[in-house]
Amino acid sequence: MKNITIVLFFLIPLIAITVNPSVALSQSDDFYRIETRDGNVFVGQIISEDENEVVLRSESIGTVTIQRSNIRSIARIDQNRIRDGVYWHSNPQATRYFFAPNAIGLEKGKGYYQNTWVLFNNVNYGVSDNFSVGGGIVPLFLFGSSSTPVWILPKVSFPIAKDKFYLGAGAMIGGVIGSDPDPLGILYGVGTLGNRDRNLSVAIGYGYAGDEVSSTPLINVSGMIRVSRRVYLLSENYFIPEAGVTGIGSIGARWTSENFAVDFGLFSPLDDADGFIGLPWLGVTIPFGR
């Protein structure tokens, strides 16, 4: 049973690279995404426009006329986002799995807030297309504790072949306010095959505490694949080479809208754990930025 579980943990990342869902376009005409000042979003084909208004034909609501004075933004949609005449929004959390980052970079001016089990909070922002920085906190002070874990998350990303292969490096630089002043965290490098909707990442990291760096690496293998307009399958797995197959594996899913994502999964030991099944994961992500 244990061996089957290990195989399943690897199955989703492998599928993420080997499966390439076909994209069927309804027609070759351009599609546009229009966001209005009152927060509505319309997707469709522009059938006419002048200096005062834009007339858009949408598969879901038919023809709609939008006053230019009420338009906040208008942008042409990549044809790959139109599948069987339906708009597939971009991945609102493409640069991270449950927690582990991949090598794909946040676009300049975009970011996200991530919350896991209420207590764990992350915010990341794209300073440029190749560099992002973030931070996190576990606000234990809300419960009267004098110790508060905090961390900083810098990451550099390089698209070696866009939508095919990326390299990245970063760190989790942490500490505990009100307790041990020595910093602790992890330094890592990561490579990612694939694009923002389906990819496989392999990373290697070294933990540190104070001025001492671990001599034993931690290896991460993670993957995601989009299986429908709103659903992704995820797997995030950690291994310690010196201990054989000892590590932690996970399997789960991500439900998304254009401006929201919910992750749920199960993390479980890869070796015998005296009947322990695993720990559930529940997290939400809210993207922001232009």
C-alpha atoms as a PDB file:
ATOM      1  CA  MET A   1       0.000   0.000   0.000  1.00  0.00           C
ATOM      2  CA  LYS A   2       2.854   2.352   0.829  1.00  0.00           C
ATOM      3  CA  ASN A   3       4.446   1.854  -2.593  1.00  0.00           C
ATOM      4  CA  ILE A   4       1.129   2.625  -4.327  1.00  0.00           C
ATOM      5  CA  THR A   5       0.850   5.836  -2.327  1.00  0.00           C
ATOM      6  CA  ILE A   6       4.336   6.920  -3.367  1.00  0.00           C
ATOM      7  CA  VAL A   7       3.533   6.270  -7.032  1.00  0.00           C
ATOM      8  CA  LEU A   8       0.349   8.359  -6.753  1.00  0.00           C
ATOM      9  CA  PHE A   9       2.286  11.267  -5.273  1.00  0.00           C
ATOM     10  CA  PHE A  10       4.479  11.300  -8.385  1.00  0.00           C
ATOM     11  CA  LEU A  11       1.667  10.706 -10.873  1.00  0.00           C
ATOM     12  CA  ILE A  12       0.206  14.210 -11.023  1.00  0.00           C
ATOM     13  CA  PRO A  13       3.535  16.024 -11.618  1.00  0.00           C
ATOM     14  CA  LEU A  14       4.349  13.616 -14.473  1.00  0.00           C
ATOM     15  CA  ILE A  15       0.919  14.095 -16.053  1.00  0.00           C
ATOM     16  CA  ALA A  16       1.396  17.841 -15.788  1.00  0.00           C
ATOM     17  CA  ILE A  17       4.167  17.628 -18.368  1.00  0.00           C
ATOM     18  CA  THR A  18       3.040  14.749 -20.575  1.00  0.00           C
ATOM     19  CA  VAL A  19      -0.581  15.824 -21.049  1.00  0.00           C
ATOM     20  CA  ASN A  20      -1.305  18.720 -23.368  1.00  0.00           C
ATOM     21  CA  PRO A  21      -5.054  19.368 -23.560  1.00  0.00           C
ATOM     22  CA  SER A  22      -6.247  20.382 -26.999  1.00  0.00           C
ATOM     23  CA  VAL A  23      -7.472  23.922 -27.496  1.00  0.00           C
ATOM     24  CA  ALA A  24     -10.479  24.410 -29.742  1.00  0.00           C
ATOM     25  CA  LEU A  25     -11.107  27.975 -30.904  1.00  0.00           C
ATOM     26  CA  SER A  26     -14.607  28.916 -31.940  1.00  0.00           C
ATOM     27  CA  GLN A  27     -13.271  31.203 -34.670  1.00  0.00           C
ATOM     28  CA  SER A  28     -10.237  33.297 -35.512  1.00  0.00           C
ATOM     29  CA  ASP A  29     -11.727  36.692 -34.540  1.00  0.00           C
ATOM     30  CA  ASP A  30     -10.053  38.466 -31.625  1.00  0.00           C
ATOM     31  CA  PHE A  31     -11.575  38.287 -28.144  1.00  0.00           C
ATOM     32  CA  TYR A  32     -11.365  41.109 -25.615  1.00  0.00           C
ATOM     33  CA  ARG A  33     -11.677  41.435 -21.862  1.00  0.00           C
ATOM     34  CA  ILE A  34     -13.361  44.652 -20.712  1.00  0.00           C
ATOM     35  CA  GLU A  35     -13.454  45.659 -17.041  1.00  0.00           C
ATOM     36  CA  THR A  36     -15.807  48.462 -16.063  1.00  0.00           C
ATOM     37  CA  ARG A  37     -15.378  51.010 -13.298  1.00  0.00           C
ATOM     38  CA  ASP A  38     -18.123  49.356 -11.254  1.00  0.00           C
ATOM     39  CA  GLY A  39     -16.207  46.051 -11.189  1.00  0.00           C
ATOM     40  CA  ASN A  40     -17.987  44.070 -13.917  1.00  0.00           C
ATOM     41  CA  VAL A  41     -15.936  42.011 -16.390  1.00  0.00           C
ATOM     42  CA  PHE A  42     -17.122  41.219 -19.934  1.00  0.00           C
ATOM     43  CA  VAL A  43     -15.399  38.872 -22.383  1.00  0.00           C
ATOM     44  CA  GLY A  44     -16.298  38.584 -26.049  1.00  0.00           C
ATOM     45  CA  GLN A  45     -15.827  39.948 -29.567  1.00  0.00           C
ATOM     46  CA  ILE A  46     -16.108  43.640 -30.402  1.00  0.00           C
ATOM     47  CA  ILE A  47     -18.684  44.004 -33.179  1.00  0.00           C
ATOM     48  CA  SER A  48     -18.630  47.818 -33.298  1.00  0.00           C
ATOM     49  CA  GLU A  49     -17.161  50.794 -31.481  1.00  0.00           C
ATOM     50  CA  ASP A  50     -16.899  54.567 -31.653  1.00  0.00           C
ATOM     51  CA  GLU A  51     -15.619  57.362 -29.433  1.00  0.00           C
ATOM     52  CA  ASN A  52     -18.577  56.982 -27.043  1.00  0.00           C
ATOM     53  CA  GLU A  53     -19.279  53.248 -26.709  1.00  0.00           C
ATOM     54  CA  VAL A  54     -18.155  49.686 -27.394  1.00  0.00           C
ATOM     55  CA  VAL A  55     -20.561  46.949 -28.478  1.00  0.00           C
ATOM     56  CA  LEU A  56     -19.413  43.494 -27.373  1.00  0.00           C
ATOM     57  CA  ARG A  57     -20.857  40.088 -28.264  1.00  0.00           C
ATOM     58  CA  SER A  58     -20.483  37.559 -25.464  1.00  0.00           C
ATOM     59  CA  GLU A  59     -21.288  33.836 -25.570  1.00  0.00           C
ATOM     60  CA  SER A  60     -22.852  34.018 -22.084  1.00  0.00           C
ATOM     61  CA  ILE A  61     -24.932  37.221 -22.076  1.00  0.00           C
ATOM     62  CA  GLY A  62     -25.307  38.080 -25.751  1.00  0.00           C
ATOM     63  CA  THR A  63     -24.712  41.614 -27.038  1.00  0.00           C
ATOM     64  CA  VAL A  64     -23.888  44.345 -24.539  1.00  0.00           C
ATOM     65  CA  THR A  65     -23.181  48.048 -25.078  1.00  0.00           C
ATOM     66  CA  ILE A  66     -20.599  49.613 -22.765  1.00  0.00           C
ATOM     67  CA  GLN A  67     -20.018  53.345 -22.471  1.00  0.00           C
ATOM     68  CA  ARG A  68     -16.353  54.270 -22.831  1.00  0.00           C
ATOM     69  CA  SER A  69     -16.636  56.565 -19.820  1.00  0.00           C
ATOM     70  CA  ASN A  70     -17.415  53.448 -17.743  1.00  0.00           C
ATOM     71  CA  ILE A  71     -14.484  51.355 -19.028  1.00  0.00           C
ATOM     72  CA  ARG A  72     -11.568  50.902 -16.639  1.00  0.00           C
ATOM     73  CA  SER A  73      -9.502  48.659 -18.925  1.00  0.00           C
ATOM     74  CA  ILE A  74      -9.758  46.834 -22.235  1.00  0.00           C
ATOM     75  CA  ALA A  75      -7.304  44.199 -23.435  1.00  0.00           C
ATOM     76  CA  ARG A  76      -7.101  41.630 -26.208  1.00  0.00           C
ATOM     77  CA  ILE A  77      -7.135  38.031 -24.971  1.00  0.00           C
ATOM     78  CA  ASP A  78      -4.637  35.446 -26.121  1.00  0.00           C
ATOM     79  CA  GLN A  79      -6.481  33.021 -28.419  1.00  0.00           C
ATOM     80  CA  ASN A  80      -5.199  30.142 -26.287  1.00  0.00           C
ATOM     81  CA  ARG A  81      -7.516  31.414 -23.527  1.00  0.00           C
ATOM     82  CA  ILE A  82     -10.597  30.751 -25.664  1.00  0.00           C
ATOM     83  CA  ARG A  83     -11.589  27.087 -25.589  1.00  0.00           C
ATOM     84  CA  ASP A  84     -14.771  25.950 -27.331  1.00  0.00           C
ATOM     85  CA  GLY A  85     -15.904  29.568 -27.315  1.00  0.00           C
ATOM     86  CA  VAL A  86     -15.439  29.938 -23.545  1.00  0.00           C
ATOM     87  CA  TYR A  87     -12.904  32.234 -21.858  1.00  0.00           C
ATOM     88  CA  TRP A  88     -10.467  30.422 -19.563  1.00  0.00           C
ATOM     89  CA  HIS A  89      -9.074  32.972 -17.085  1.00  0.00           C
ATOM     90  CA  SER A  90      -5.378  32.935 -16.278  1.00  0.00           C
ATOM     91  CA  ASN A  91      -4.091  31.016 -13.273  1.00  0.00           C
ATOM     92  CA  PRO A  92      -4.460  33.352 -10.248  1.00  0.00           C
ATOM     93  CA  GLN A  93      -1.672  31.489  -8.422  1.00  0.00           C
ATOM     94  CA  ALA A  94       0.746  30.283 -11.103  1.00  0.00           C
ATOM     95  CA  THR A  95       4.033  30.820  -9.248  1.00  0.00           C
ATOM     96  CA  ARG A  96       3.440  28.581  -6.231  1.00  0.00           C
ATOM     97  CA  TYR A  97       1.962  25.168  -5.449  1.00  0.00           C
ATOM     98  CA  PHE A  98       0.508  24.637  -1.973  1.00  0.00           C
ATOM     99  CA  PHE A  99       3.501  26.425  -0.476  1.00  0.00           C
ATOM    100  CA  ALA A 100       6.603  25.594  -2.528  1.00  0.00           C
ATOM    101  CA  PRO A 101       7.473  28.141  -5.257  1.00  0.00           C
ATOM    102  CA  ASN A 102       8.290  27.239  -8.836  1.00  0.00           C
ATOM    103  CA  ALA A 103      10.664  29.064 -11.190  1.00  0.00           C
ATOM    104  CA  ILE A 104       7.926  31.041 -12.983  1.00  0.00           C
ATOM    105  CA  GLY A 105       8.035  34.716 -12.054  1.00  0.00           C
ATOM    106  CA  LEU A 106       5.315  37.089 -10.947  1.00  0.00           C
ATOM    107  CA  GLU A 107       4.681  39.714 -13.605  1.00  0.00           C
ATOM    108  CA  LYS A 108       5.711  43.269 -12.809  1.00  0.00           C
ATOM    109  CA  GLY A 109       3.042  45.086 -10.834  1.00  0.00           C
ATOM    110  CA  LYS A 110       1.129  41.920  -9.905  1.00  0.00           C
ATOM    111  CA  GLY A 111       0.979  40.140  -6.590  1.00  0.00           C
ATOM    112  CA  TYR A 112      -1.093  37.935  -4.330  1.00  0.00           C
ATOM    113  CA  TYR A 113      -2.112  37.431  -0.718  1.00  0.00           C
ATOM    114  CA  GLN A 114      -2.108  33.817   0.504  1.00  0.00           C
ATOM    115  CA  ASN A 115      -3.652  32.580   3.735  1.00  0.00           C
ATOM    116  CA  THR A 116      -3.399  29.016   5.067  1.00  0.00           C
ATOM    117  CA  TRP A 117      -5.425  27.790   8.008  1.00  0.00           C
ATOM    118  CA  VAL A 118      -6.108  31.410   9.044  1.00  0.00           C
ATOM    119  CA  LEU A 119      -2.785  31.799  10.892  1.00  0.00           C
ATOM    120  CA  PHE A 120      -0.220  31.559   8.056  1.00  0.00           C
ATOM    121  CA  ASN A 121      -0.103  34.690   5.905  1.00  0.00           C
ATOM    122  CA  ASN A 122       1.999  35.441   2.799  1.00  0.00           C
ATOM    123  CA  VAL A 123       2.096  38.472   0.502  1.00  0.00           C
ATOM    124  CA  ASN A 124       4.220  38.519  -2.681  1.00  0.00           C
ATOM    125  CA  TYR A 125       4.699  41.262  -5.293  1.00  0.00           C
ATOM    126  CA  GLY A 126       6.405  41.377  -8.686  1.00  0.00           C
ATOM    127  CA  VAL A 127       8.987  44.190  -8.604  1.00  0.00           C
ATOM    128  CA  SER A 128       9.904  43.239 -12.185  1.00  0.00           C
ATOM    129  CA  ASP A 129       9.112  40.308 -14.461  1.00  0.00           C
ATOM    130  CA  ASN A 130      12.242  38.595 -13.121  1.00  0.00           C
ATOM    131  CA  PHE A 131      12.245  39.567  -9.437  1.00  0.00           C
ATOM    132  CA  SER A 132       9.613  39.334  -6.737  1.00  0.00           C
ATOM    133  CA  VAL A 133       9.687  39.923  -3.023  1.00  0.00           C
ATOM    134  CA  GLY A 134       7.278  38.968  -0.297  1.00  0.00           C
ATOM    135  CA  GLY A 135       6.840  38.427   3.370  1.00  0.00           C
ATOM    136  CA  GLY A 136       4.823  36.427   5.839  1.00  0.00           C
ATOM    137  CA  ILE A 137       3.712  36.314   9.429  1.00  0.00           C
ATOM    138  CA  VAL A 138       2.004  34.045  11.939  1.00  0.00           C
ATOM    139  CA  PRO A 139       0.299  36.642  14.190  1.00  0.00           C
ATOM    140  CA  LEU A 140       0.563  34.767  17.476  1.00  0.00           C
ATOM    141  CA  PHE A 141       0.523  38.122  19.286  1.00  0.00           C
ATOM    142  CA  LEU A 142      -3.243  38.128  18.693  1.00  0.00           C
ATOM    143  CA  PHE A 143      -3.412  35.231  21.160  1.00  0.00           C
ATOM    144  CA  GLY A 144      -1.205  36.850  23.783  1.00  0.00           C
ATOM    145  CA  SER A 145       2.063  35.227  22.739  1.00  0.00           C
ATOM    146  CA  SER A 146       5.289  37.232  22.996  1.00  0.00           C
ATOM    147  CA  SER A 147       6.839  35.358  20.023  1.00  0.00           C
ATOM    148  CA  THR A 148       5.779  36.052  16.425  1.00  0.00           C
ATOM    149  CA  PRO A 149       7.289  34.141  13.457  1.00  0.00           C
ATOM    150  CA  VAL A 150       7.997  36.320  10.396  1.00  0.00           C
ATOM    151  CA  TRP A 151       9.798  35.746   7.093  1.00  0.00           C
ATOM    152  CA  ILE A 152      10.896  37.448   3.852  1.00  0.00           C
ATOM    153  CA  LEU A 153      10.576  35.757   0.441  1.00  0.00           C
ATOM    154  CA  PRO A 154      12.848  37.107  -2.334  1.00  0.00           C
ATOM    155  CA  LYS A 155      12.911  35.211  -5.669  1.00  0.00           C
ATOM    156  CA  VAL A 156      14.581  35.686  -9.048  1.00  0.00           C
ATOM    157  CA  SER A 157      13.177  33.990 -12.170  1.00  0.00           C
ATOM    158  CA  PHE A 158      14.592  33.525 -15.656  1.00  0.00           C
ATOM    159  CA  PRO A 159      12.531  32.260 -18.638  1.00  0.00           C
ATOM    160  CA  ILE A 160      15.056  30.157 -20.562  1.00  0.00           C
ATOM    161  CA  ALA A 161      12.327  29.239 -23.089  1.00  0.00           C
ATOM    162  CA  LYS A 162       9.042  31.007 -22.379  1.00  0.00           C
ATOM    163  CA  ASP A 163       6.179  28.659 -21.494  1.00  0.00           C
ATOM    164  CA  LYS A 164       8.610  25.726 -21.697  1.00  0.00           C
ATOM    165  CA  PHE A 165      11.494  26.031 -19.244  1.00  0.00           C
ATOM    166  CA  TYR A 166      12.346  28.387 -16.360  1.00  0.00           C
ATOM    167  CA  LEU A 167      15.134  28.651 -13.794  1.00  0.00           C
ATOM    168  CA  GLY A 168      14.868  30.431 -10.468  1.00  0.00           C
ATOM    169  CA  ALA A 169      16.445  30.928  -7.072  1.00  0.00           C
ATOM    170  CA  GLY A 170      15.309  32.405  -3.821  1.00  0.00           C
ATOM    171  CA  ALA A 171      15.178  32.209  -0.076  1.00  0.00           C
ATOM    172  CA  MET A 172      12.919  32.065   2.911  1.00  0.00           C
ATOM    173  CA  ILE A 173      14.595  34.339   5.450  1.00  0.00           C
ATOM    174  CA  GLY A 174      12.872  33.921   8.778  1.00  0.00           C
ATOM    175  CA  GLY A 175      13.032  34.785  12.420  1.00  0.00           C
ATOM    176  CA  VAL A 176      10.952  35.007  15.560  1.00  0.00           C
ATOM    177  CA  ILE A 177      10.166  38.451  16.937  1.00  0.00           C
ATOM    178  CA  GLY A 178      10.335  38.471  20.718  1.00  0.00           C
ATOM    179  CA  SER A 179      12.478  35.340  20.917  1.00  0.00           C
ATOM    180  CA  ASP A 180      15.720  33.976  19.423  1.00  0.00           C
ATOM    181  CA  PRO A 181      17.259  36.831  17.354  1.00  0.00           C
ATOM    182  CA  ASP A 182      19.230  34.476  15.079  1.00  0.00           C
ATOM    183  CA  PRO A 183      17.805  34.264  11.534  1.00  0.00           C
ATOM    184  CA  LEU A 184      16.792  30.909  10.109  1.00  0.00           C
ATOM    185  CA  GLY A 185      15.362  29.751   6.815  1.00  0.00           C
ATOM    186  CA  ILE A 186      16.232  28.065   3.552  1.00  0.00           C
ATOM    187  CA  LEU A 187      18.126  28.914   0.345  1.00  0.00           C
ATOM    188  CA  TYR A 188      16.962  27.190  -2.830  1.00  0.00           C
ATOM    189  CA  GLY A 189      17.308  26.819  -6.577  1.00  0.00           C
ATOM    190  CA  VAL A 190      14.497  25.542  -8.796  1.00  0.00           C
ATOM    191  CA  GLY A 191      13.851  24.506 -12.398  1.00  0.00           C
ATOM    192  CA  THR A 192      10.375  24.357 -13.956  1.00  0.00           C
ATOM    193  CA  LEU A 193       9.228  22.617 -17.138  1.00  0.00           C
ATOM    194  CA  GLY A 194       5.929  23.761 -18.633  1.00  0.00           C
ATOM    195  CA  ASN A 195       3.738  26.841 -18.479  1.00  0.00           C
ATOM    196  CA  ARG A 196       1.421  28.551 -15.998  1.00  0.00           C
ATOM    197  CA  ASP A 197      -1.351  25.968 -16.434  1.00  0.00           C
ATOM    198  CA  ARG A 198       0.676  22.741 -16.357  1.00  0.00           C
ATOM    199  CA  ASN A 199       4.207  22.329 -15.086  1.00  0.00           C
ATOM    200  CA  LEU A 200       6.670  20.203 -13.165  1.00  0.00           C
ATOM    201  CA  SER A 201       9.296  21.652 -10.826  1.00  0.00           C
ATOM    202  CA  VAL A 202      12.362  20.186  -9.152  1.00  0.00           C
ATOM    203  CA  ALA A 203      14.051  22.245  -6.428  1.00  0.00           C
ATOM    204  CA  ILE A 204      16.940  21.749  -4.044  1.00  0.00           C
ATOM    205  CA  GLY A 205      17.330  23.739  -0.857  1.00  0.00           C
ATOM    206  CA  TYR A 206      19.625  24.046   2.147  1.00  0.00           C
ATOM    207  CA  GLY A 207      18.371  25.147   5.522  1.00  0.00           C
ATOM    208  CA  TYR A 208      20.345  27.473   7.766  1.00  0.00           C
ATOM    209  CA  ALA A 209      20.235  28.812  11.306  1.00  0.00           C
ATOM    210  CA  GLY A 210      22.410  31.744  12.302  1.00  0.00           C
ATOM    211  CA  ASP A 211      25.672  31.380  10.374  1.00  0.00           C
ATOM    212  CA  GLU A 212      25.420  27.590  10.000  1.00  0.00           C
ATOM    213  CA  VAL A 213      24.135  26.017   6.764  1.00  0.00           C
ATOM    214  CA  SER A 214      22.930  22.425   6.653  1.00  0.00           C
ATOM    215  CA  SER A 215      25.056  19.947   4.725  1.00  0.00           C
ATOM    216  CA  THR A 216      21.979  17.836   3.920  1.00  0.00           C
ATOM    217  CA  PRO A 217      19.810  19.090   1.041  1.00  0.00           C
ATOM    218  CA  LEU A 218      16.041  19.053   0.918  1.00  0.00           C
ATOM    219  CA  ILE A 219      14.624  18.100  -2.491  1.00  0.00           C
ATOM    220  CA  ASN A 220      11.194  19.217  -3.628  1.00  0.00           C
ATOM    221  CA  VAL A 221       9.275  17.758  -6.603  1.00  0.00           C
ATOM    222  CA  SER A 222       5.979  19.497  -7.369  1.00  0.00           C
ATOM    223  CA  GLY A 223       3.529  19.760 -10.229  1.00  0.00           C
ATOM    224  CA  MET A 224       0.182  21.127 -11.333  1.00  0.00           C
ATOM    225  CA  ILE A 225      -2.160  20.504 -14.237  1.00  0.00           C
ATOM    226  CA  ARG A 226      -5.317  22.331 -15.285  1.00  0.00           C
ATOM    227  CA  VAL A 227      -8.126  19.833 -15.852  1.00  0.00           C
ATOM    228  CA  SER A 228     -11.009  22.260 -16.427  1.00  0.00           C
ATOM    229  CA  ARG A 229     -11.778  25.973 -16.613  1.00  0.00           C
ATOM    230  CA  ARG A 230     -11.711  26.303 -12.818  1.00  0.00           C
ATOM    231  CA  VAL A 231      -9.890  23.235 -11.456  1.00  0.00           C
ATOM    232  CA  TYR A 232      -6.199  22.291 -11.154  1.00  0.00           C
ATOM    233  CA  LEU A 233      -4.676  19.153  -9.652  1.00  0.00           C
ATOM    234  CA  LEU A 234      -1.622  19.698  -7.427  1.00  0.00           C
ATOM    235  CA  SER A 235       1.100  17.618  -5.849  1.00  0.00           C
ATOM    236  CA  GLU A 236       3.947  18.874  -3.640  1.00  0.00           C
ATOM    237  CA  ASN A 237       6.560  16.427  -2.306  1.00  0.00           C
ATOM    238  CA  TYR A 238       9.678  16.701  -0.127  1.00  0.00           C
ATOM    239  CA  PHE A 239      12.572  14.249   0.146  1.00  0.00           C
ATOM    240  CA  ILE A 240      15.719  13.935   2.257  1.00  0.00           C
ATOM    241  CA  PRO A 241      18.253  11.959   0.127  1.00  0.00           C
ATOM    242  CA  GLU A 242      20.379  10.734   3.019  1.00  0.00           C
ATOM    243  CA  ALA A 243      17.331   9.094   4.576  1.00  0.00           C
ATOM    244  CA  GLY A 244      16.232   7.074   1.530  1.00  0.00           C
ATOM    245  CA  VAL A 245      12.557   7.624   0.708  1.00  0.00           C
ATOM    246  CA  THR A 246      11.882   9.501   3.940  1.00  0.00           C
ATOM    247  CA  GLY A 247       9.855  12.586   3.223  1.00  0.00           C
ATOM    248  CA  ILE A 248       6.402  14.082   2.853  1.00  0.00           C
ATOM    249  CA  GLY A 249       4.067  13.843  -0.140  1.00  0.00           C
ATOM    250  CA  SER A 250       0.824  15.583  -0.965  1.00  0.00           C
ATOM    251  CA  ILE A 251      -2.047  15.459  -3.380  1.00  0.00           C
ATOM    252  CA  GLY A 252      -4.901  17.904  -3.809  1.00  0.00           C
ATOM    253  CA  ALA A 253      -6.691  20.412  -5.986  1.00  0.00           C
ATOM    254  CA  ARG A 254      -7.132  24.131  -6.612  1.00  0.00           C
ATOM    255  CA  TRP A 255     -10.485  25.717  -7.430  1.00  0.00           C
ATOM    256  CA  THR A 256     -10.169  29.108  -9.108  1.00  0.00           C
ATOM    257  CA  SER A 257     -12.044  32.109 -10.370  1.00  0.00           C
ATOM    258  CA  GLU A 258     -10.373  35.070 -12.042  1.00  0.00           C
ATOM    259  CA  ASN A 259      -9.808  36.830  -8.701  1.00  0.00           C
ATOM    260  CA  PHE A 260      -9.752  34.022  -6.145  1.00  0.00           C
ATOM    261  CA  ALA A 261      -8.321  30.553  -5.553  1.00  0.00           C
ATOM    262  CA  VAL A 262      -8.884  27.862  -2.927  1.00  0.00           C
ATOM    263  CA  ASP A 263      -6.370  25.050  -2.340  1.00  0.00           C
ATOM    264  CA  PHE A 264      -7.247  21.863  -0.486  1.00  0.00           C
ATOM    265  CA  GLY A 265      -5.183  18.727  -0.118  1.00  0.00           C
ATOM    266  CA  LEU A 266      -3.618  16.112   2.132  1.00  0.00           C
ATOM    267  CA  PHE A 267       0.028  15.931   3.259  1.00  0.00           C
ATOM    268  CA  SER A 268       1.241  12.494   4.353  1.00  0.00           C
ATOM    269  CA  PRO A 269       4.555  10.818   5.321  1.00  0.00           C
ATOM    270  CA  LEU A 270       6.075   8.694   2.555  1.00  0.00           C
ATOM    271  CA  ASP A 271       7.288   6.044   4.998  1.00  0.00           C
ATOM    272  CA  ASP A 272       5.511   4.108   7.754  1.00  0.00           C
ATOM    273  CA  ALA A 273       3.935   6.400  10.352  1.00  0.00           C
ATOM    274  CA  ASP A 274       2.090   3.970  12.645  1.00  0.00           C
ATOM    275  CA  GLY A 275      -1.262   4.427  10.939  1.00  0.00           C
ATOM    276  CA  PHE A 276      -1.046   8.208  10.624  1.00  0.00           C
ATOM    277  CA  ILE A 277      -2.881   9.190   7.422  1.00  0.00           C
ATOM    278  CA  GLY A 278      -1.857  12.813   7.040  1.00  0.00           C
ATOM    279  CA  LEU A 279      -2.632  16.453   7.657  1.00  0.00           C
ATOM    280  CA  PRO A 280      -5.246  18.344   5.615  1.00  0.00           C
ATOM    281  CA  TRP A 281      -4.337  21.574   3.823  1.00  0.00           C
ATOM    282  CA  LEU A 282      -6.689  24.495   3.252  1.00  0.00           C
ATOM    283  CA  GLY A 283      -5.548  27.790   1.789  1.00  0.00           C
ATOM    284  CA  VAL A 284      -6.908  30.758  -0.146  1.00  0.00           C
ATOM    285  CA  THR A 285      -5.169  33.118  -2.575  1.00  0.00           C
ATOM    286  CA  ILE A 286      -6.317  36.587  -3.635  1.00  0.00           C
ATOM    287  CA  PRO A 287      -4.363  38.136  -6.542  1.00  0.00           C
ATOM    288  CA  PHE A 288      -4.000  41.881  -6.952  1.00  0.00           C
ATOM    289  CA  GLY A 289      -2.279  44.404  -9.200  1.00  0.00           C
ATOM    290  CA  ARG A 290      -2.680  45.585 -12.750  1.00  0.00           C
END
